[in-house]
Structures are given as C-alpha cells and as structure tokens.
Amino acid sequence: MKKLLLVVLSLMTMMVFTACGSEKTSTSQEDKANSEDKIKNVTKGIDGVVVENMTKPQTGGLHDYQMTPADMKKLENADVFIANGAGMESFLQDVIDNQKNLKVVEAAKGIELLADEHGENPHVWVSVSNCMTQVQTIADELSKLDPEHADAYQKNAKEYIAKLEDLKQDMHNQIDNLPHKDIVTFHEAFPYFAKEFNLNIVGVIEREPGTAPTPSELDEIIAQVNDLQAKALFAEPQYSSTAAKTIANETGAKVYTLDPVVTGENDLDAYIEAMKQNALTLQEALK
C-alpha cells in the first residue's frame, strides 16, 4: 500500500508517493493559502492521503514566490506537481526543465483566459465558476493518479462544488442589483471576478503588486476615481494600501478591501468565507 502525500505550495500542490513506513518525510509549514482548501476538500476523509504545506508564510502571493533549493530537492521525490498554471508561476518552466520525470498538471487547464495589452491574466480562481472548474480538474487528476480512491475524490469534489454553486448564487443575489458597477482595484486580480458579477474595472492602482504607480499613472487613477459615482477604492489584504490611501486623500474616496483569496485562514471553507466577505464589501461600497 502506498501513502499519497500532497504538499501544498500556495496555488499549487505537489504529490509524493511514499510507501507506508518509509523513511522519507516532509515537514509542514503554515502558508494559509486559501487555494489549499480546494485540495483539502477533495481529499478529506481519504485514508492514506496527507496534505502538507511546502511554503513559509508570505505577505503576497505567487508573484513574490521563488523556488528554493529545498523546494527543488523535495520535488525530486514527487510524482506529480499541480500548479495553477496560466502563467501564474514564473518558476514553473524551471521545474519542468529540471524535473524530467515529474508530471505537471495545470489546474487552470481548459479555462478561457482573459487578456489585455499586458498579456493573459492568470487569476482565474477569483471567479467562483472557474474555482469550481479547478476543483473538478484536481479531482479528475487525483482519480487518475490514485484510482483506488477515485470515487472518494469525485464524491468530495461534487459536495464542494455544490457549496460553491450556492455561494455563487448568493453572491449574484447580493451584487447583481447594486446601483453602481464601476470599480478601481489594487492590481490585476479581479477581471474574472468582475466578468462573473458584471462589474466594470475602470482603473488599476498597481499593475504589478509592489510597484507603485508613476506620477502620471497616479494622476490618471485620480481622474478615474473622481469620475466615479460611488467613490471607492479596493485594496488587497496581501499588500500595502499606501498607494490606495494616497489616492483616497486626493479624491475623498473610501478604501475598502477585496480579497483575491491568495492567503487567509487555513480551513475547508476559507475560499467561501473570503468570497462572502467580498460580496458584503461590494454591497457597502457600491450602494
């Protein structure tokens, strides 16, 4: 019998097969990535499956993450590596090039990507519908890899997706009839969310997280905010809100927080709870 070890790295998962009683071990570290709850929901209650985190806590998301030698060493024992894909993990090609026997699965596979002049946007999971697709993809791939537990993976996925369907409907009920739909977001994490809930992103504070807007960009954003009927700016919990506060001081806008669900509480309903809070925030900001 083999034990399936799932090692989570933010928006991705590494799976290592080790024989029960083997001396191979992996240490767990808290990253509190909300994407981890997709894995835990799919694998909950399945004997012999261990979900382990590979990363240390970090302020931002995968934009900031760099693979370490220890990460690469751990990957040497892995059979399959599940990544968000869609260009999110800049280091993914290095993994593919250096781990020739490692199967790489992209959870975003099959999802239609949005693009602008800056390229394709990888933040697919911020759409609840896309999150459901990723959950099913993870379940399907685990079922192929561990057919003994295929029925359990599929049952768990079905149950979690049903909860996500309820979440999506509740959010539509909260957001669809709001009188204002124009928003200014912190960075390019929300196009899929905006498309799903018929919001219009009229401005972005930082195109690249951690890179402050130039003076001309700041002037442009200030003009965009001044044109808004509901003067609201949306920062993110993973990053500094300094630029948003600067714009708020110039425009009288209020700064709110929208969570792209990259980090957060480490539990089975972390994604759902974060999205519920996003809906409440929008209700308050756009009324």
Protein backbone atom coordinates (compact mmCIF):
# COMPACT_ATOMS: atom_id res chain seq x y z
CA MET A 1 0.00 0.00 0.00
CA LYS A 2 1.21 3.50 -0.76
CA LYS A 3 0.58 6.75 1.06
CA LEU A 4 -0.33 9.78 -1.04
CA LEU A 5 1.43 12.86 0.28
CA LEU A 6 0.10 16.18 -1.02
CA VAL A 7 2.49 19.05 -0.44
CA VAL A 8 0.87 22.44 -0.99
CA LEU A 9 2.71 25.49 -2.30
CA SER A 10 0.33 28.43 -2.36
CA LEU A 11 -1.77 27.99 -5.52
CA MET A 12 -0.24 24.65 -6.36
CA THR A 13 0.13 21.18 -4.97
CA MET A 14 2.92 18.67 -5.10
CA MET A 15 2.13 14.99 -4.68
CA VAL A 16 4.67 12.47 -3.47
CA PHE A 17 4.00 8.73 -3.30
CA THR A 18 5.86 7.04 -0.45
CA ALA A 19 5.44 3.57 0.91
CA CYS A 20 3.85 3.36 4.32
CA GLY A 21 6.60 3.14 6.90
CA SER A 22 9.11 4.70 4.53
CA GLU A 23 11.83 6.88 6.00
CA LYS A 24 11.01 9.65 3.53
CA THR A 25 9.40 12.55 5.32
CA SER A 26 8.30 16.10 4.64
CA THR A 27 7.85 18.92 7.09
CA SER A 28 4.71 21.05 7.27
CA GLN A 29 4.84 24.83 7.31
CA GLU A 30 1.93 27.26 7.62
CA ASP A 31 1.26 29.25 4.44
CA LYS A 32 -2.51 29.52 4.98
CA ALA A 33 -3.15 29.62 1.25
CA ASN A 34 -6.84 29.62 0.55
CA SER A 35 -6.23 27.53 -2.53
CA GLU A 36 -5.19 24.75 -0.14
CA ASP A 37 -8.82 24.30 0.86
CA LYS A 38 -9.58 23.07 -2.67
CA ILE A 39 -7.12 20.24 -2.10
CA LYS A 40 -8.34 19.50 1.41
CA ASN A 41 -11.98 19.45 0.30
CA VAL A 42 -11.17 16.99 -2.49
CA THR A 43 -9.06 14.73 -0.26
CA LYS A 44 -10.90 14.95 3.07
CA GLY A 45 -11.62 11.68 4.82
CA ILE A 46 -9.49 9.59 2.45
CA ASP A 47 -7.19 7.20 4.31
CA GLY A 48 -3.51 7.48 3.48
CA VAL A 49 -3.74 10.97 1.97
CA VAL A 50 -1.71 13.66 3.73
CA VAL A 51 -1.88 17.35 2.77
CA GLU A 52 1.31 19.19 3.68
CA ASN A 53 2.35 22.77 3.04
CA MET A 54 5.72 23.48 1.43
CA THR A 55 5.97 27.25 1.93
CA LYS A 56 6.61 29.66 4.73
CA PRO A 57 4.10 32.44 5.41
CA GLN A 58 4.38 35.26 2.89
CA THR A 59 2.81 38.67 2.54
CA GLY A 60 1.92 38.47 -1.12
CA GLY A 61 1.16 35.64 -3.48
CA LEU A 62 2.87 33.71 -6.23
CA HIS A 63 4.01 36.97 -7.78
CA ASP A 64 6.53 37.08 -4.94
CA TYR A 65 7.48 33.43 -4.60
CA GLN A 66 10.81 31.99 -5.66
CA MET A 67 11.59 28.29 -5.57
CA THR A 68 14.33 27.40 -3.10
CA PRO A 69 16.91 24.61 -3.36
CA ALA A 70 14.96 22.81 -0.63
CA ASP A 71 11.81 23.04 -2.77
CA MET A 72 13.60 21.59 -5.78
CA LYS A 73 15.06 18.82 -3.64
CA LYS A 74 11.61 17.92 -2.38
CA LEU A 75 10.30 17.83 -5.93
CA GLU A 76 12.81 15.14 -6.78
CA ASN A 77 10.65 12.71 -4.79
CA ALA A 78 7.40 13.85 -6.36
CA ASP A 79 5.34 12.02 -8.96
CA VAL A 80 3.10 14.90 -9.98
CA PHE A 81 3.03 18.64 -9.46
CA ILE A 82 -0.27 20.54 -9.67
CA ALA A 83 0.06 24.23 -10.44
CA ASN A 84 -2.47 26.95 -11.11
CA GLY A 85 -0.76 27.46 -14.46
CA ALA A 86 -1.87 30.08 -16.99
CA GLY A 87 1.45 31.86 -16.43
CA MET A 88 0.96 32.47 -12.70
CA GLU A 89 4.07 30.58 -11.55
CA SER A 90 7.06 32.20 -13.22
CA PHE A 91 9.28 29.36 -11.97
CA LEU A 92 7.13 26.57 -13.43
CA GLN A 93 9.22 26.15 -16.57
CA ASP A 94 12.33 25.69 -14.41
CA VAL A 95 10.53 22.90 -12.57
CA ILE A 96 9.60 21.24 -15.87
CA ASP A 97 13.14 21.60 -17.23
CA ASN A 98 14.86 20.29 -14.10
CA GLN A 99 12.44 17.53 -13.12
CA LYS A 100 12.11 15.46 -16.28
CA ASN A 101 10.18 12.64 -14.61
CA LEU A 102 7.74 14.92 -12.82
CA LYS A 103 4.20 15.07 -14.18
CA VAL A 104 2.98 18.68 -14.20
CA VAL A 105 -0.76 19.37 -14.14
CA GLU A 106 -2.20 22.87 -14.53
CA ALA A 107 -5.45 23.37 -12.63
CA ALA A 108 -6.35 26.26 -14.96
CA LYS A 109 -6.26 23.97 -18.00
CA GLY A 110 -9.31 24.42 -20.19
CA ILE A 111 -10.33 27.75 -18.67
CA GLU A 112 -10.63 30.56 -21.22
CA LEU A 113 -8.09 33.21 -20.27
CA LEU A 114 -8.77 36.93 -20.32
CA ALA A 115 -6.08 39.13 -21.84
CA ASP A 116 -5.23 42.79 -22.29
CA GLU A 117 -2.25 44.75 -23.56
CA HIS A 118 -0.19 43.34 -20.68
CA GLY A 119 -0.86 39.71 -21.63
CA GLU A 120 -3.01 36.86 -20.37
CA ASN A 121 -4.37 37.09 -16.85
CA PRO A 122 -3.71 34.03 -14.64
CA HIS A 123 -6.02 34.92 -11.71
CA VAL A 124 -8.73 32.52 -12.87
CA TRP A 125 -9.71 31.23 -9.40
CA VAL A 126 -11.13 34.61 -8.33
CA SER A 127 -14.16 33.66 -10.42
CA VAL A 128 -16.27 31.21 -8.43
CA SER A 129 -17.17 29.37 -11.64
CA ASN A 130 -13.50 28.94 -12.51
CA CYS A 131 -12.77 27.79 -8.98
CA MET A 132 -15.33 25.02 -9.48
CA THR A 133 -13.60 24.02 -12.71
CA GLN A 134 -10.27 23.84 -10.90
CA VAL A 135 -11.74 21.70 -8.12
CA GLN A 136 -13.05 19.23 -10.71
CA THR A 137 -9.72 19.22 -12.55
CA ILE A 138 -7.88 18.43 -9.31
CA ALA A 139 -10.32 15.62 -8.53
CA ASP A 140 -10.02 14.17 -12.03
CA GLU A 141 -6.22 14.20 -11.94
CA LEU A 142 -6.08 12.67 -8.46
CA SER A 143 -8.53 10.00 -9.60
CA LYS A 144 -6.18 9.04 -12.43
CA LEU A 145 -3.16 9.07 -10.17
CA ASP A 146 -4.81 7.19 -7.29
CA PRO A 147 -7.64 5.15 -8.87
CA GLU A 148 -8.20 3.21 -5.65
CA HIS A 149 -9.75 6.37 -4.17
CA ALA A 150 -11.26 7.80 -7.37
CA ASP A 151 -14.85 7.50 -6.13
CA ALA A 152 -13.98 9.34 -2.93
CA TYR A 153 -12.20 12.18 -4.77
CA GLN A 154 -15.18 12.60 -7.08
CA LYS A 155 -17.69 12.49 -4.22
CA ASN A 156 -15.77 15.12 -2.28
CA ALA A 157 -15.46 17.33 -5.34
CA LYS A 158 -19.17 17.07 -6.05
CA GLU A 159 -20.01 18.10 -2.49
CA TYR A 160 -17.64 21.08 -2.53
CA ILE A 161 -18.75 22.24 -5.95
CA ALA A 162 -22.37 22.20 -4.72
CA LYS A 163 -21.32 24.55 -1.92
CA LEU A 164 -19.58 26.79 -4.44
CA GLU A 165 -22.71 26.82 -6.62
CA ASP A 166 -24.72 28.04 -3.62
CA LEU A 167 -22.05 30.66 -2.92
CA LYS A 168 -22.16 31.93 -6.50
CA GLN A 169 -25.96 32.25 -6.46
CA ASP A 170 -25.90 34.08 -3.13
CA MET A 171 -23.27 36.49 -4.44
CA HIS A 172 -25.29 37.20 -7.58
CA ASN A 173 -28.28 37.98 -5.36
CA GLN A 174 -26.15 40.44 -3.41
CA ILE A 175 -24.28 42.08 -6.28
CA ASP A 176 -26.42 41.98 -9.43
CA ASN A 177 -28.79 44.77 -8.43
CA LEU A 178 -26.28 47.19 -6.94
CA PRO A 179 -26.78 50.67 -8.40
CA HIS A 180 -23.09 51.21 -9.22
CA LYS A 181 -20.82 48.77 -11.06
CA ASP A 182 -17.60 50.74 -11.73
CA ILE A 183 -14.65 49.82 -9.50
CA VAL A 184 -10.95 50.65 -9.11
CA THR A 185 -8.96 47.62 -7.91
CA PHE A 186 -5.50 47.26 -6.42
CA HIS A 187 -4.00 45.07 -9.14
CA GLU A 188 -4.99 42.79 -12.00
CA ALA A 189 -6.50 40.07 -9.81
CA PHE A 190 -10.17 40.80 -10.43
CA PRO A 191 -11.06 40.69 -14.16
CA TYR A 192 -12.55 37.18 -13.86
CA PHE A 193 -14.48 38.19 -10.76
CA ALA A 194 -15.71 41.34 -12.49
CA LYS A 195 -16.81 39.40 -15.56
CA GLU A 196 -18.73 36.90 -13.44
CA PHE A 197 -20.58 39.57 -11.47
CA ASN A 198 -20.97 42.18 -14.22
CA LEU A 199 -18.65 44.75 -12.67
CA ASN A 200 -16.61 47.24 -14.67
CA ILE A 201 -12.97 47.76 -13.71
CA VAL A 202 -12.22 51.35 -14.71
CA GLY A 203 -8.80 51.59 -13.10
CA VAL A 204 -5.99 49.56 -11.50
CA ILE A 205 -3.74 51.07 -8.83
CA GLU A 206 -0.68 48.83 -9.28
CA ARG A 207 -0.29 46.79 -12.47
CA GLU A 208 2.42 44.78 -10.73
CA PRO A 209 1.96 44.29 -6.98
CA GLY A 210 4.62 46.14 -5.02
CA THR A 211 5.35 48.53 -7.90
CA ALA A 212 3.94 51.94 -7.02
CA PRO A 213 2.17 53.85 -9.81
CA THR A 214 4.19 56.51 -11.59
CA PRO A 215 3.15 60.16 -11.15
CA SER A 216 1.34 60.11 -14.50
CA GLU A 217 -0.39 56.84 -13.63
CA LEU A 218 -1.38 58.30 -10.27
CA ASP A 219 -2.90 61.34 -11.97
CA GLU A 220 -4.84 59.06 -14.31
CA ILE A 221 -6.20 56.96 -11.46
CA ILE A 222 -7.19 60.08 -9.51
CA ALA A 223 -9.13 61.30 -12.54
CA GLN A 224 -10.83 57.92 -12.87
CA VAL A 225 -11.83 57.91 -9.22
CA ASN A 226 -13.17 61.47 -9.43
CA ASP A 227 -15.47 60.31 -12.23
CA LEU A 228 -16.94 57.51 -10.13
CA GLN A 229 -20.44 57.89 -8.74
CA ALA A 230 -19.54 55.62 -5.83
CA LYS A 231 -16.09 56.80 -4.78
CA ALA A 232 -14.50 53.59 -3.57
CA LEU A 233 -11.03 52.08 -3.88
CA PHE A 234 -10.29 48.42 -3.27
CA ALA A 235 -7.01 47.40 -1.63
CA GLU A 236 -5.96 43.78 -1.02
CA PRO A 237 -5.04 42.19 2.32
CA GLN A 238 -1.82 40.71 0.92
CA TYR A 239 -0.27 44.08 0.01
CA SER A 240 0.30 47.58 1.36
CA SER A 241 -2.59 50.01 0.89
CA THR A 242 -0.29 53.07 0.82
CA ALA A 243 -1.00 53.95 -2.82
CA ALA A 244 -4.74 53.49 -2.33
CA LYS A 245 -4.68 55.78 0.70
CA THR A 246 -2.77 58.42 -1.27
CA ILE A 247 -5.45 58.36 -3.97
CA ALA A 248 -8.19 58.42 -1.33
CA ASN A 249 -6.67 61.56 0.23
CA GLU A 250 -6.75 63.29 -3.17
CA THR A 251 -10.29 62.24 -4.11
CA GLY A 252 -12.23 61.75 -0.90
CA ALA A 253 -12.79 58.12 -1.83
CA LYS A 254 -13.07 55.44 0.84
CA VAL A 255 -10.66 52.50 0.84
CA TYR A 256 -12.19 49.04 1.13
CA THR A 257 -10.59 45.60 0.95
CA LEU A 258 -11.32 42.97 -1.69
CA ASP A 259 -9.60 39.63 -1.17
CA PRO A 260 -8.33 37.73 -4.25
CA VAL A 261 -8.13 34.69 -1.97
CA VAL A 262 -4.42 34.01 -2.20
CA THR A 263 -3.81 33.83 1.55
CA GLY A 264 -6.12 33.51 4.53
CA GLU A 265 -7.34 31.15 7.20
CA ASN A 266 -6.33 27.54 6.71
CA ASP A 267 -9.66 25.70 6.81
CA LEU A 268 -12.05 23.92 4.46
CA ASP A 269 -14.31 26.94 3.94
CA ALA A 270 -11.60 29.62 3.64
CA TYR A 271 -12.38 30.43 0.00
CA ILE A 272 -16.12 30.53 0.62
CA GLU A 273 -15.82 32.78 3.66
CA ALA A 274 -13.47 35.18 1.84
CA MET A 275 -15.85 35.44 -1.09
CA LYS A 276 -18.82 36.04 1.21
CA GLN A 277 -16.91 38.94 2.73
CA ASN A 278 -16.10 40.30 -0.75
CA ALA A 279 -19.82 40.36 -1.57
CA LEU A 280 -20.61 42.21 1.66
CA THR A 281 -17.83 44.70 0.95
CA LEU A 282 -19.18 45.43 -2.52
CA GLN A 283 -22.69 45.86 -1.13
CA GLU A 284 -21.38 48.50 1.25
CA ALA A 285 -19.10 50.25 -1.27
CA LEU A 286 -21.39 50.36 -4.29
CA LYS A 287 -24.74 51.14 -2.68
